[in-house]
Amino acid sequence: MGSTPSKASRTGKEVIERMKNEDPPKIRTVRGKTEFLDGNNKWRPLSEADMAHKIDAVTWWNEVGRKYGPKSKEVRDWMLDPDNYYLEHYSKNRSEGASLGQTYLPPDN
């Protein structure tokens, strides 16, 4: 499937911009430091954010993406779509991913 885009990528910058413009904003700058509002409603330094999938990547792959194959346009488009991401604190994002108990199924094609 490829790796998740970084916060510094085009996709990441679009996620940050969208979250800045939400009402209320989920990203702010205080004394020159950029912060994001995590899933527990706590402001955290942007450096502690992961790009989190709104729909877990393994779930999407197993239900949709595997029909197209890992290098397909459909999978790449999904992975690069900023609407599929939000920023979450790295510890919460990683523990939620690990708790799914799912593994990637092989491509269907």
PDB file of N, CA and C in Angstrom:
ATOM      1  N   MET A   1       0.822  -1.203   0.000  1.00  0.00           N
ATOM      2  CA  MET A   1       0.000   0.000   0.000  1.00  0.00           C
ATOM      3  C   MET A   1       0.854   1.250   0.000  1.00  0.00           C
ATOM      4  N   GLY A   2       2.045   1.154   0.464  1.00  0.00           N
ATOM      5  CA  GLY A   2       2.870   2.351   0.596  1.00  0.00           C
ATOM      6  C   GLY A   2       2.757   2.907   1.998  1.00  0.00           C
ATOM      7  N   SER A   3       3.605   3.854   2.288  1.00  0.00           N
ATOM      8  CA  SER A   3       3.617   4.409   3.636  1.00  0.00           C
ATOM      9  C   SER A   3       2.662   5.595   3.743  1.00  0.00           C
ATOM     10  N   THR A   4       2.295   5.902   4.971  1.00  0.00           N
ATOM     11  CA  THR A   4       1.446   7.053   5.252  1.00  0.00           C
ATOM     12  C   THR A   4       2.229   8.323   4.960  1.00  0.00           C
ATOM     13  N   PRO A   5       1.615   9.299   4.300  1.00  0.00           N
ATOM     14  CA  PRO A   5       2.319  10.558   4.031  1.00  0.00           C
ATOM     15  C   PRO A   5       2.720  11.251   5.335  1.00  0.00           C
ATOM     16  N   SER A   6       3.794  12.005   5.279  1.00  0.00           N
ATOM     17  CA  SER A   6       4.252  12.741   6.460  1.00  0.00           C
ATOM     18  C   SER A   6       3.469  14.046   6.606  1.00  0.00           C
ATOM     19  N   LYS A   7       3.595  14.671   7.766  1.00  0.00           N
ATOM     20  CA  LYS A   7       2.961  15.970   7.989  1.00  0.00           C
ATOM     21  C   LYS A   7       3.539  17.025   7.052  1.00  0.00           C
ATOM     22  N   ALA A   8       4.790  16.838   6.622  1.00  0.00           N
ATOM     23  CA  ALA A   8       5.453  17.811   5.749  1.00  0.00           C
ATOM     24  C   ALA A   8       5.131  17.602   4.270  1.00  0.00           C
ATOM     25  N   SER A   9       4.457  16.509   3.938  1.00  0.00           N
ATOM     26  CA  SER A   9       4.097  16.227   2.544  1.00  0.00           C
ATOM     27  C   SER A   9       2.943  17.136   2.105  1.00  0.00           C
ATOM     28  N   ARG A  10       2.647  17.121   0.812  1.00  0.00           N
ATOM     29  CA  ARG A  10       1.506  17.886   0.299  1.00  0.00           C
ATOM     30  C   ARG A  10       0.231  17.455   1.023  1.00  0.00           C
ATOM     31  N   THR A  11       0.041  16.156   1.180  1.00  0.00           N
ATOM     32  CA  THR A  11      -1.144  15.636   1.867  1.00  0.00           C
ATOM     33  C   THR A  11      -1.178  16.120   3.315  1.00  0.00           C
ATOM     34  N   GLY A  12      -0.053  16.021   4.014  1.00  0.00           N
ATOM     35  CA  GLY A  12       0.019  16.461   5.404  1.00  0.00           C
ATOM     36  C   GLY A  12      -0.274  17.939   5.563  1.00  0.00           C
ATOM     37  N   LYS A  13       0.261  18.751   4.662  1.00  0.00           N
ATOM     38  CA  LYS A  13       0.012  20.201   4.718  1.00  0.00           C
ATOM     39  C   LYS A  13      -1.465  20.508   4.504  1.00  0.00           C
ATOM     40  N   GLU A  14      -2.114  19.748   3.624  1.00  0.00           N
ATOM     41  CA  GLU A  14      -3.546  19.950   3.398  1.00  0.00           C
ATOM     42  C   GLU A  14      -4.359  19.538   4.622  1.00  0.00           C
ATOM     43  N   VAL A  15      -3.951  18.482   5.309  1.00  0.00           N
ATOM     44  CA  VAL A  15      -4.626  18.062   6.547  1.00  0.00           C
ATOM     45  C   VAL A  15      -4.486  19.157   7.601  1.00  0.00           C
ATOM     46  N   ILE A  16      -3.284  19.679   7.760  1.00  0.00           N
ATOM     47  CA  ILE A  16      -3.038  20.740   8.742  1.00  0.00           C
ATOM     48  C   ILE A  16      -3.876  21.966   8.417  1.00  0.00           C
ATOM     49  N   GLU A  17      -3.906  22.360   7.160  1.00  0.00           N
ATOM     50  CA  GLU A  17      -4.687  23.534   6.752  1.00  0.00           C
ATOM     51  C   GLU A  17      -6.177  23.314   7.018  1.00  0.00           C
ATOM     52  N   ARG A  18      -6.691  22.127   6.695  1.00  0.00           N
ATOM     53  CA  ARG A  18      -8.107  21.829   6.948  1.00  0.00           C
ATOM     54  C   ARG A  18      -8.416  21.918   8.442  1.00  0.00           C
ATOM     55  N   MET A  19      -7.532  21.339   9.271  1.00  0.00           N
ATOM     56  CA  MET A  19      -7.773  21.341  10.713  1.00  0.00           C
ATOM     57  C   MET A  19      -7.666  22.746  11.305  1.00  0.00           C
ATOM     58  N   LYS A  20      -6.833  23.596  10.724  1.00  0.00           N
ATOM     59  CA  LYS A  20      -6.749  25.002  11.159  1.00  0.00           C
ATOM     60  C   LYS A  20      -8.059  25.725  10.910  1.00  0.00           C
ATOM     61  N   ASN A  21      -8.725  25.364   9.814  1.00  0.00           N
ATOM     62  CA  ASN A  21      -9.926  26.077   9.387  1.00  0.00           C
ATOM     63  C   ASN A  21     -11.221  25.457   9.884  1.00  0.00           C
ATOM     64  N   GLU A  22     -11.130  24.374  10.669  1.00  0.00           N
ATOM     65  CA  GLU A  22     -12.343  23.787  11.230  1.00  0.00           C
ATOM     66  C   GLU A  22     -12.924  24.732  12.274  1.00  0.00           C
ATOM     67  N   ASP A  23     -14.189  24.553  12.585  1.00  0.00           N
ATOM     68  CA  ASP A  23     -14.852  25.395  13.571  1.00  0.00           C
ATOM     69  C   ASP A  23     -15.384  24.515  14.696  1.00  0.00           C
ATOM     70  N   PRO A  24     -14.760  24.515  15.853  1.00  0.00           N
ATOM     71  CA  PRO A  24     -13.585  25.309  16.220  1.00  0.00           C
ATOM     72  C   PRO A  24     -12.297  24.724  15.635  1.00  0.00           C
ATOM     73  N   PRO A  25     -11.272  25.564  15.509  1.00  0.00           N
ATOM     74  CA  PRO A  25      -9.992  25.084  14.948  1.00  0.00           C
ATOM     75  C   PRO A  25      -9.384  23.971  15.796  1.00  0.00           C
ATOM     76  N   LYS A  26      -8.750  23.016  15.117  1.00  0.00           N
ATOM     77  CA  LYS A  26      -8.072  21.906  15.796  1.00  0.00           C
ATOM     78  C   LYS A  26      -6.555  22.092  15.771  1.00  0.00           C
ATOM     79  N   ILE A  27      -6.107  23.196  15.162  1.00  0.00           N
ATOM     80  CA  ILE A  27      -4.683  23.545  15.150  1.00  0.00           C
ATOM     81  C   ILE A  27      -4.583  25.028  15.457  1.00  0.00           C
ATOM     82  N   ARG A  28      -3.621  25.372  16.308  1.00  0.00           N
ATOM     83  CA  ARG A  28      -3.412  26.776  16.670  1.00  0.00           C
ATOM     84  C   ARG A  28      -1.928  27.022  16.848  1.00  0.00           C
ATOM     85  N   THR A  29      -1.565  28.296  16.872  1.00  0.00           N
ATOM     86  CA  THR A  29      -0.189  28.695  17.156  1.00  0.00           C
ATOM     87  C   THR A  29      -0.208  29.580  18.395  1.00  0.00           C
ATOM     88  N   VAL A  30       0.559  29.180  19.404  1.00  0.00           N
ATOM     89  CA  VAL A  30       0.656  29.912  20.661  1.00  0.00           C
ATOM     90  C   VAL A  30       2.121  30.211  20.909  1.00  0.00           C
ATOM     91  N   ARG A  31       2.446  31.493  21.052  1.00  0.00           N
ATOM     92  CA  ARG A  31       3.834  31.933  21.283  1.00  0.00           C
ATOM     93  C   ARG A  31       4.793  31.304  20.269  1.00  0.00           C
ATOM     94  N   GLY A  32       4.353  31.263  19.018  1.00  0.00           N
ATOM     95  CA  GLY A  32       5.200  30.757  17.947  1.00  0.00           C
ATOM     96  C   GLY A  32       5.265  29.244  17.826  1.00  0.00           C
ATOM     97  N   LYS A  33       4.551  28.529  18.682  1.00  0.00           N
ATOM     98  CA  LYS A  33       4.549  27.059  18.652  1.00  0.00           C
ATOM     99  C   LYS A  33       3.197  26.567  18.129  1.00  0.00           C
ATOM    100  N   THR A  34       3.240  25.683  17.137  1.00  0.00           N
ATOM    101  CA  THR A  34       2.015  25.120  16.579  1.00  0.00           C
ATOM    102  C   THR A  34       1.587  23.913  17.401  1.00  0.00           C
ATOM    103  N   GLU A  35       0.292  23.891  17.736  1.00  0.00           N
ATOM    104  CA  GLU A  35      -0.278  22.808  18.535  1.00  0.00           C
ATOM    105  C   GLU A  35      -1.506  22.239  17.823  1.00  0.00           C
ATOM    106  N   PHE A  36      -1.824  20.986  18.132  1.00  0.00           N
ATOM    107  CA  PHE A  36      -3.046  20.370  17.614  1.00  0.00           C
ATOM    108  C   PHE A  36      -3.862  19.846  18.784  1.00  0.00           C
ATOM    109  N   LEU A  37      -5.162  19.758  18.574  1.00  0.00           N
ATOM    110  CA  LEU A  37      -6.069  19.241  19.587  1.00  0.00           C
ATOM    111  C   LEU A  37      -6.222  17.747  19.365  1.00  0.00           C
ATOM    112  N   ASP A  38      -5.790  16.956  20.347  1.00  0.00           N
ATOM    113  CA  ASP A  38      -5.840  15.498  20.167  1.00  0.00           C
ATOM    114  C   ASP A  38      -7.235  14.952  20.477  1.00  0.00           C
ATOM    115  N   GLY A  39      -7.399  13.653  20.325  1.00  0.00           N
ATOM    116  CA  GLY A  39      -8.689  13.002  20.532  1.00  0.00           C
ATOM    117  C   GLY A  39      -9.205  13.074  21.954  1.00  0.00           C
ATOM    118  N   ASN A  40      -8.345  13.437  22.905  1.00  0.00           N
ATOM    119  CA  ASN A  40      -8.756  13.613  24.301  1.00  0.00           C
ATOM    120  C   ASN A  40      -8.959  15.082  24.643  1.00  0.00           C
ATOM    121  N   ASN A  41      -9.058  15.927  23.599  1.00  0.00           N
ATOM    122  CA  ASN A  41      -9.240  17.378  23.754  1.00  0.00           C
ATOM    123  C   ASN A  41      -8.106  18.040  24.524  1.00  0.00           C
ATOM    124  N   LYS A  42      -6.901  17.567  24.300  1.00  0.00           N
ATOM    125  CA  LYS A  42      -5.715  18.152  24.916  1.00  0.00           C
ATOM    126  C   LYS A  42      -4.843  18.750  23.811  1.00  0.00           C
ATOM    127  N   TRP A  43      -4.381  19.981  24.018  1.00  0.00           N
ATOM    128  CA  TRP A  43      -3.489  20.622  23.051  1.00  0.00           C
ATOM    129  C   TRP A  43      -2.093  20.036  23.203  1.00  0.00           C
ATOM    130  N   ARG A  44      -1.529  19.622  22.081  1.00  0.00           N
ATOM    131  CA  ARG A  44      -0.212  18.980  22.055  1.00  0.00           C
ATOM    132  C   ARG A  44       0.658  19.647  21.002  1.00  0.00           C
ATOM    133  N   PRO A  45       1.990  19.579  21.165  1.00  0.00           N
ATOM    134  CA  PRO A  45       2.886  20.100  20.123  1.00  0.00           C
ATOM    135  C   PRO A  45       2.684  19.329  18.817  1.00  0.00           C
ATOM    136  N   LEU A  46       2.736  20.038  17.711  1.00  0.00           N
ATOM    137  CA  LEU A  46       2.558  19.397  16.410  1.00  0.00           C
ATOM    138  C   LEU A  46       3.565  18.275  16.200  1.00  0.00           C
ATOM    139  N   SER A  47       4.734  18.385  16.817  1.00  0.00           N
ATOM    140  CA  SER A  47       5.766  17.347  16.671  1.00  0.00           C
ATOM    141  C   SER A  47       5.316  15.996  17.239  1.00  0.00           C
ATOM    142  N   GLU A  48       4.295  15.980  18.097  1.00  0.00           N
ATOM    143  CA  GLU A  48       3.801  14.736  18.695  1.00  0.00           C
ATOM    144  C   GLU A  48       2.627  14.135  17.919  1.00  0.00           C
ATOM    145  N   ALA A  49       2.324  14.711  16.753  1.00  0.00           N
ATOM    146  CA  ALA A  49       1.181  14.239  15.965  1.00  0.00           C
ATOM    147  C   ALA A  49       1.597  13.193  14.948  1.00  0.00           C
ATOM    148  N   ASP A  50       0.739  12.202  14.787  1.00  0.00           N
ATOM    149  CA  ASP A  50       0.816  11.239  13.688  1.00  0.00           C
ATOM    150  C   ASP A  50      -0.279  11.585  12.691  1.00  0.00           C
ATOM    151  N   MET A  51      -0.048  11.240  11.448  1.00  0.00           N
ATOM    152  CA  MET A  51      -1.110  11.283  10.451  1.00  0.00           C
ATOM    153  C   MET A  51      -1.940  10.019  10.682  1.00  0.00           C
ATOM    154  N   ALA A  52      -3.146  10.180  11.170  1.00  0.00           N
ATOM    155  CA  ALA A  52      -4.017   9.049  11.484  1.00  0.00           C
ATOM    156  C   ALA A  52      -5.079   8.905  10.402  1.00  0.00           C
ATOM    157  N   HIS A  53      -5.412   7.680  10.081  1.00  0.00           N
ATOM    158  CA  HIS A  53      -6.463   7.412   9.098  1.00  0.00           C
ATOM    159  C   HIS A  53      -7.834   7.489   9.760  1.00  0.00           C
ATOM    160  N   LYS A  54      -8.787   8.130   9.086  1.00  0.00           N
ATOM    161  CA  LYS A  54     -10.165   8.146   9.577  1.00  0.00           C
ATOM    162  C   LYS A  54     -10.746   6.734   9.537  1.00  0.00           C
ATOM    163  N   ILE A  55     -10.449   6.010   8.473  1.00  0.00           N
ATOM    164  CA  ILE A  55     -10.759   4.577   8.372  1.00  0.00           C
ATOM    165  C   ILE A  55      -9.414   3.872   8.416  1.00  0.00           C
ATOM    166  N   ASP A  56      -9.233   2.956   9.337  1.00  0.00           N
ATOM    167  CA  ASP A  56      -7.941   2.284   9.476  1.00  0.00           C
ATOM    168  C   ASP A  56      -7.490   1.707   8.146  1.00  0.00           C
ATOM    169  N   ALA A  57      -6.205   1.885   7.850  1.00  0.00           N
ATOM    170  CA  ALA A  57      -5.654   1.434   6.569  1.00  0.00           C
ATOM    171  C   ALA A  57      -5.849  -0.064   6.371  1.00  0.00           C
ATOM    172  N   VAL A  58      -5.651  -0.844   7.415  1.00  0.00           N
ATOM    173  CA  VAL A  58      -5.793  -2.301   7.274  1.00  0.00           C
ATOM    174  C   VAL A  58      -7.244  -2.674   6.969  1.00  0.00           C
ATOM    175  N   THR A  59      -8.188  -1.981   7.581  1.00  0.00           N
ATOM    176  CA  THR A  59      -9.606  -2.236   7.308  1.00  0.00           C
ATOM    177  C   THR A  59      -9.937  -1.877   5.866  1.00  0.00           C
ATOM    178  N   TRP A  60      -9.499  -0.685   5.430  1.00  0.00           N
ATOM    179  CA  TRP A  60      -9.774  -0.258   4.053  1.00  0.00           C
ATOM    180  C   TRP A  60      -9.132  -1.216   3.052  1.00  0.00           C
ATOM    181  N   TRP A  61      -7.888  -1.599   3.317  1.00  0.00           N
ATOM    182  CA  TRP A  61      -7.204  -2.530   2.407  1.00  0.00           C
ATOM    183  C   TRP A  61      -7.979  -3.844   2.307  1.00  0.00           C
ATOM    184  N   ASN A  62      -8.316  -4.430   3.446  1.00  0.00           N
ATOM    185  CA  ASN A  62      -8.978  -5.738   3.448  1.00  0.00           C
ATOM    186  C   ASN A  62     -10.364  -5.692   2.797  1.00  0.00           C
ATOM    187  N   GLU A  63     -11.060  -4.559   2.929  1.00  0.00           N
ATOM    188  CA  GLU A  63     -12.417  -4.460   2.388  1.00  0.00           C
ATOM    189  C   GLU A  63     -12.464  -3.916   0.963  1.00  0.00           C
ATOM    190  N   VAL A  64     -11.491  -3.067   0.588  1.00  0.00           N
ATOM    191  CA  VAL A  64     -11.547  -2.378  -0.706  1.00  0.00           C
ATOM    192  C   VAL A  64     -10.251  -2.513  -1.492  1.00  0.00           C
ATOM    193  N   GLY A  65      -9.160  -2.053  -0.924  1.00  0.00           N
ATOM    194  CA  GLY A  65      -7.908  -1.897  -1.649  1.00  0.00           C
ATOM    195  C   GLY A  65      -7.317  -3.164  -2.222  1.00  0.00           C
ATOM    196  N   ARG A  66      -7.476  -4.260  -1.527  1.00  0.00           N
ATOM    197  CA  ARG A  66      -6.848  -5.508  -1.988  1.00  0.00           C
ATOM    198  C   ARG A  66      -7.413  -5.974  -3.321  1.00  0.00           C
ATOM    199  N   LYS A  67      -8.605  -5.507  -3.677  1.00  0.00           N
ATOM    200  CA  LYS A  67      -9.199  -5.856  -4.975  1.00  0.00           C
ATOM    201  C   LYS A  67      -8.410  -5.244  -6.133  1.00  0.00           C
ATOM    202  N   TYR A  68      -7.702  -4.147  -5.850  1.00  0.00           N
ATOM    203  CA  TYR A  68      -6.975  -3.417  -6.894  1.00  0.00           C
ATOM    204  C   TYR A  68      -5.488  -3.734  -6.923  1.00  0.00           C
ATOM    205  N   GLY A  69      -4.923  -4.106  -5.786  1.00  0.00           N
ATOM    206  CA  GLY A  69      -3.489  -4.377  -5.694  1.00  0.00           C
ATOM    207  C   GLY A  69      -2.744  -3.222  -5.063  1.00  0.00           C
ATOM    208  N   PRO A  70      -1.592  -3.512  -4.434  1.00  0.00           N
ATOM    209  CA  PRO A  70      -0.886  -2.521  -3.621  1.00  0.00           C
ATOM    210  C   PRO A  70      -0.341  -1.325  -4.397  1.00  0.00           C
ATOM    211  N   LYS A  71      -0.045  -1.471  -5.663  1.00  0.00           N
ATOM    212  CA  LYS A  71       0.548  -0.366  -6.435  1.00  0.00           C
ATOM    213  C   LYS A  71      -0.468   0.279  -7.386  1.00  0.00           C
ATOM    214  N   SER A  72      -1.738  -0.024  -7.200  1.00  0.00           N
ATOM    215  CA  SER A  72      -2.771   0.477  -8.109  1.00  0.00           C
ATOM    216  C   SER A  72      -3.032   1.967  -7.902  1.00  0.00           C
ATOM    217  N   LYS A  73      -3.610   2.583  -8.911  1.00  0.00           N
ATOM    218  CA  LYS A  73      -3.987   3.993  -8.838  1.00  0.00           C
ATOM    219  C   LYS A  73      -5.005   4.207  -7.716  1.00  0.00           C
ATOM    220  N   GLU A  74      -5.959   3.293  -7.575  1.00  0.00           N
ATOM    221  CA  GLU A  74      -6.997   3.435  -6.552  1.00  0.00           C
ATOM    222  C   GLU A  74      -6.400   3.458  -5.148  1.00  0.00           C
ATOM    223  N   VAL A  75      -5.453   2.575  -4.889  1.00  0.00           N
ATOM    224  CA  VAL A  75      -4.821   2.523  -3.567  1.00  0.00           C
ATOM    225  C   VAL A  75      -3.966   3.764  -3.350  1.00  0.00           C
ATOM    226  N   ARG A  76      -3.196   4.142  -4.350  1.00  0.00           N
ATOM    227  CA  ARG A  76      -2.359   5.346  -4.226  1.00  0.00           C
ATOM    228  C   ARG A  76      -3.225   6.583  -4.001  1.00  0.00           C
ATOM    229  N   ASP A  77      -4.302   6.708  -4.756  1.00  0.00           N
ATOM    230  CA  ASP A  77      -5.197   7.861  -4.581  1.00  0.00           C
ATOM    231  C   ASP A  77      -5.759   7.905  -3.165  1.00  0.00           C
ATOM    232  N   TRP A  78      -6.155   6.750  -2.626  1.00  0.00           N
ATOM    233  CA  TRP A  78      -6.696   6.712  -1.269  1.00  0.00           C
ATOM    234  C   TRP A  78      -5.637   7.126  -0.252  1.00  0.00           C
ATOM    235  N   MET A  79      -4.428   6.621  -0.426  1.00  0.00           N
ATOM    236  CA  MET A  79      -3.339   6.929   0.513  1.00  0.00           C
ATOM    237  C   MET A  79      -2.938   8.403   0.471  1.00  0.00           C
ATOM    238  N   LEU A  80      -3.132   9.079  -0.642  1.00  0.00           N
ATOM    239  CA  LEU A  80      -2.723  10.478  -0.775  1.00  0.00           C
ATOM    240  C   LEU A  80      -3.874  11.464  -0.585  1.00  0.00           C
ATOM    241  N   ASP A  81      -5.067  10.978  -0.309  1.00  0.00           N
ATOM    242  CA  ASP A  81      -6.234  11.847  -0.154  1.00  0.00           C
ATOM    243  C   ASP A  81      -6.255  12.442   1.255  1.00  0.00           C
ATOM    244  N   PRO A  82      -6.083  13.767   1.383  1.00  0.00           N
ATOM    245  CA  PRO A  82      -6.048  14.372   2.715  1.00  0.00           C
ATOM    246  C   PRO A  82      -7.350  14.205   3.497  1.00  0.00           C
ATOM    247  N   ASP A  83      -8.452  13.967   2.791  1.00  0.00           N
ATOM    248  CA  ASP A  83      -9.722  13.772   3.494  1.00  0.00           C
ATOM    249  C   ASP A  83      -9.760  12.458   4.272  1.00  0.00           C
ATOM    250  N   ASN A  84      -8.796  11.587   4.043  1.00  0.00           N
ATOM    251  CA  ASN A  84      -8.732  10.312   4.759  1.00  0.00           C
ATOM    252  C   ASN A  84      -7.918  10.397   6.045  1.00  0.00           C
ATOM    253  N   TYR A  85      -7.410  11.588   6.376  1.00  0.00           N
ATOM    254  CA  TYR A  85      -6.499  11.740   7.510  1.00  0.00           C
ATOM    255  C   TYR A  85      -6.935  12.827   8.468  1.00  0.00           C
ATOM    256  N   TYR A  86      -6.452  12.707   9.686  1.00  0.00           N
ATOM    257  CA  TYR A  86      -6.506  13.753  10.702  1.00  0.00           C
ATOM    258  C   TYR A  86      -5.261  13.564  11.559  1.00  0.00           C
ATOM    259  N   LEU A  87      -4.936  14.556  12.363  1.00  0.00           N
ATOM    260  CA  LEU A  87      -3.780  14.434  13.253  1.00  0.00           C
ATOM    261  C   LEU A  87      -4.241  13.891  14.600  1.00  0.00           C
ATOM    262  N   GLU A  88      -3.495  12.921  15.102  1.00  0.00           N
ATOM    263  CA  GLU A  88      -3.771  12.329  16.411  1.00  0.00           C
ATOM    264  C   GLU A  88      -2.442  12.153  17.137  1.00  0.00           C
ATOM    265  N   HIS A  89      -2.494  12.195  18.466  1.00  0.00           N
ATOM    266  CA  HIS A  89      -1.277  11.986  19.247  1.00  0.00           C
ATOM    267  C   HIS A  89      -0.714  10.607  18.909  1.00  0.00           C
ATOM    268  N   TYR A  90       0.599  10.563  18.736  1.00  0.00           N
ATOM    269  CA  TYR A  90       1.232   9.319  18.274  1.00  0.00           C
ATOM    270  C   TYR A  90       0.905   8.122  19.162  1.00  0.00           C
ATOM    271  N   SER A  91       0.852   8.308  20.477  1.00  0.00           N
ATOM    272  CA  SER A  91       0.617   7.158  21.360  1.00  0.00           C
ATOM    273  C   SER A  91      -0.791   6.600  21.168  1.00  0.00           C
ATOM    274  N   LYS A  92      -1.771   7.470  21.035  1.00  0.00           N
ATOM    275  CA  LYS A  92      -3.150   7.007  20.836  1.00  0.00           C
ATOM    276  C   LYS A  92      -3.290   6.355  19.468  1.00  0.00           C
ATOM    277  N   ASN A  93      -2.739   6.986  18.442  1.00  0.00           N
ATOM    278  CA  ASN A  93      -2.846   6.446  17.088  1.00  0.00           C
ATOM    279  C   ASN A  93      -2.224   5.055  16.996  1.00  0.00           C
ATOM    280  N   ARG A  94      -1.050   4.894  17.547  1.00  0.00           N
ATOM    281  CA  ARG A  94      -0.348   3.610  17.436  1.00  0.00           C
ATOM    282  C   ARG A  94      -0.997   2.528  18.284  1.00  0.00           C
ATOM    283  N   SER A  95      -1.491   2.882  19.462  1.00  0.00           N
ATOM    284  CA  SER A  95      -2.133   1.858  20.295  1.00  0.00           C
ATOM    285  C   SER A  95      -3.478   1.442  19.700  1.00  0.00           C
ATOM    286  N   GLU A  96      -4.202   2.380  19.096  1.00  0.00           N
ATOM    287  CA  GLU A  96      -5.470   2.016  18.459  1.00  0.00           C
ATOM    288  C   GLU A  96      -5.223   1.094  17.269  1.00  0.00           C
ATOM    289  N   GLY A  97      -4.195   1.389  16.493  1.00  0.00           N
ATOM    290  CA  GLY A  97      -3.868   0.530  15.355  1.00  0.00           C
ATOM    291  C   GLY A  97      -3.503  -0.871  15.799  1.00  0.00           C
ATOM    292  N   ALA A  98      -2.719  -0.967  16.855  1.00  0.00           N
ATOM    293  CA  ALA A  98      -2.287  -2.281  17.349  1.00  0.00           C
ATOM    294  C   ALA A  98      -3.450  -3.068  17.944  1.00  0.00           C
ATOM    295  N   SER A  99      -4.427  -2.357  18.511  1.00  0.00           N
ATOM    296  CA  SER A  99      -5.538  -3.044  19.173  1.00  0.00           C
ATOM    297  C   SER A  99      -6.576  -3.591  18.197  1.00  0.00           C
ATOM    298  N   LEU A 100      -6.456  -3.265  16.919  1.00  0.00           N
ATOM    299  CA  LEU A 100      -7.428  -3.759  15.938  1.00  0.00           C
ATOM    300  C   LEU A 100      -7.400  -5.274  15.817  1.00  0.00           C
ATOM    301  N   GLY A 101      -6.227  -5.851  15.970  1.00  0.00           N
ATOM    302  CA  GLY A 101      -6.096  -7.292  15.842  1.00  0.00           C
ATOM    303  C   GLY A 101      -6.271  -7.791  14.417  1.00  0.00           C
ATOM    304  N   GLN A 102      -6.119  -6.905  13.453  1.00  0.00           N
ATOM    305  CA  GLN A 102      -6.256  -7.282  12.045  1.00  0.00           C
ATOM    306  C   GLN A 102      -4.884  -7.363  11.390  1.00  0.00           C
ATOM    307  N   THR A 103      -4.801  -8.150  10.360  1.00  0.00           N
ATOM    308  CA  THR A 103      -3.598  -8.185   9.532  1.00  0.00           C
ATOM    309  C   THR A 103      -4.014  -7.955   8.089  1.00  0.00           C
ATOM    310  N   TYR A 104      -3.071  -7.467   7.303  1.00  0.00           N
ATOM    311  CA  TYR A 104      -3.341  -7.218   5.888  1.00  0.00           C
ATOM    312  C   TYR A 104      -3.514  -8.546   5.153  1.00  0.00           C
ATOM    313  N   LEU A 105      -4.616  -8.679   4.458  1.00  0.00           N
ATOM    314  CA  LEU A 105      -4.846  -9.851   3.618  1.00  0.00           C
ATOM    315  C   LEU A 105      -4.072  -9.683   2.312  1.00  0.00           C
ATOM    316  N   PRO A 106      -3.745 -10.772   1.630  1.00  0.00           N
ATOM    317  CA  PRO A 106      -3.009 -10.647   0.368  1.00  0.00           C
ATOM    318  C   PRO A 106      -3.879  -9.996  -0.710  1.00  0.00           C
ATOM    319  N   PRO A 107      -3.251  -9.413  -1.731  1.00  0.00           N
ATOM    320  CA  PRO A 107      -4.023  -8.828  -2.834  1.00  0.00           C
ATOM    321  C   PRO A 107      -4.961  -9.865  -3.441  1.00  0.00           C
ATOM    322  N   ASP A 108      -6.084  -9.371  -3.925  1.00  0.00           N
ATOM    323  CA  ASP A 108      -7.125 -10.231  -4.476  1.00  0.00           C
ATOM    324  C   ASP A 108      -6.942 -10.485  -5.970  1.00  0.00           C
ATOM    325  N   ASN A 109      -5.977  -9.814  -6.575  1.00  0.00           N
ATOM    326  CA  ASN A 109      -5.852  -9.946  -8.038  1.00  0.00           C
ATOM    327  C   ASN A 109      -4.668 -10.786  -8.441  1.00  0.00           C
TER     328      ASN A 109
END
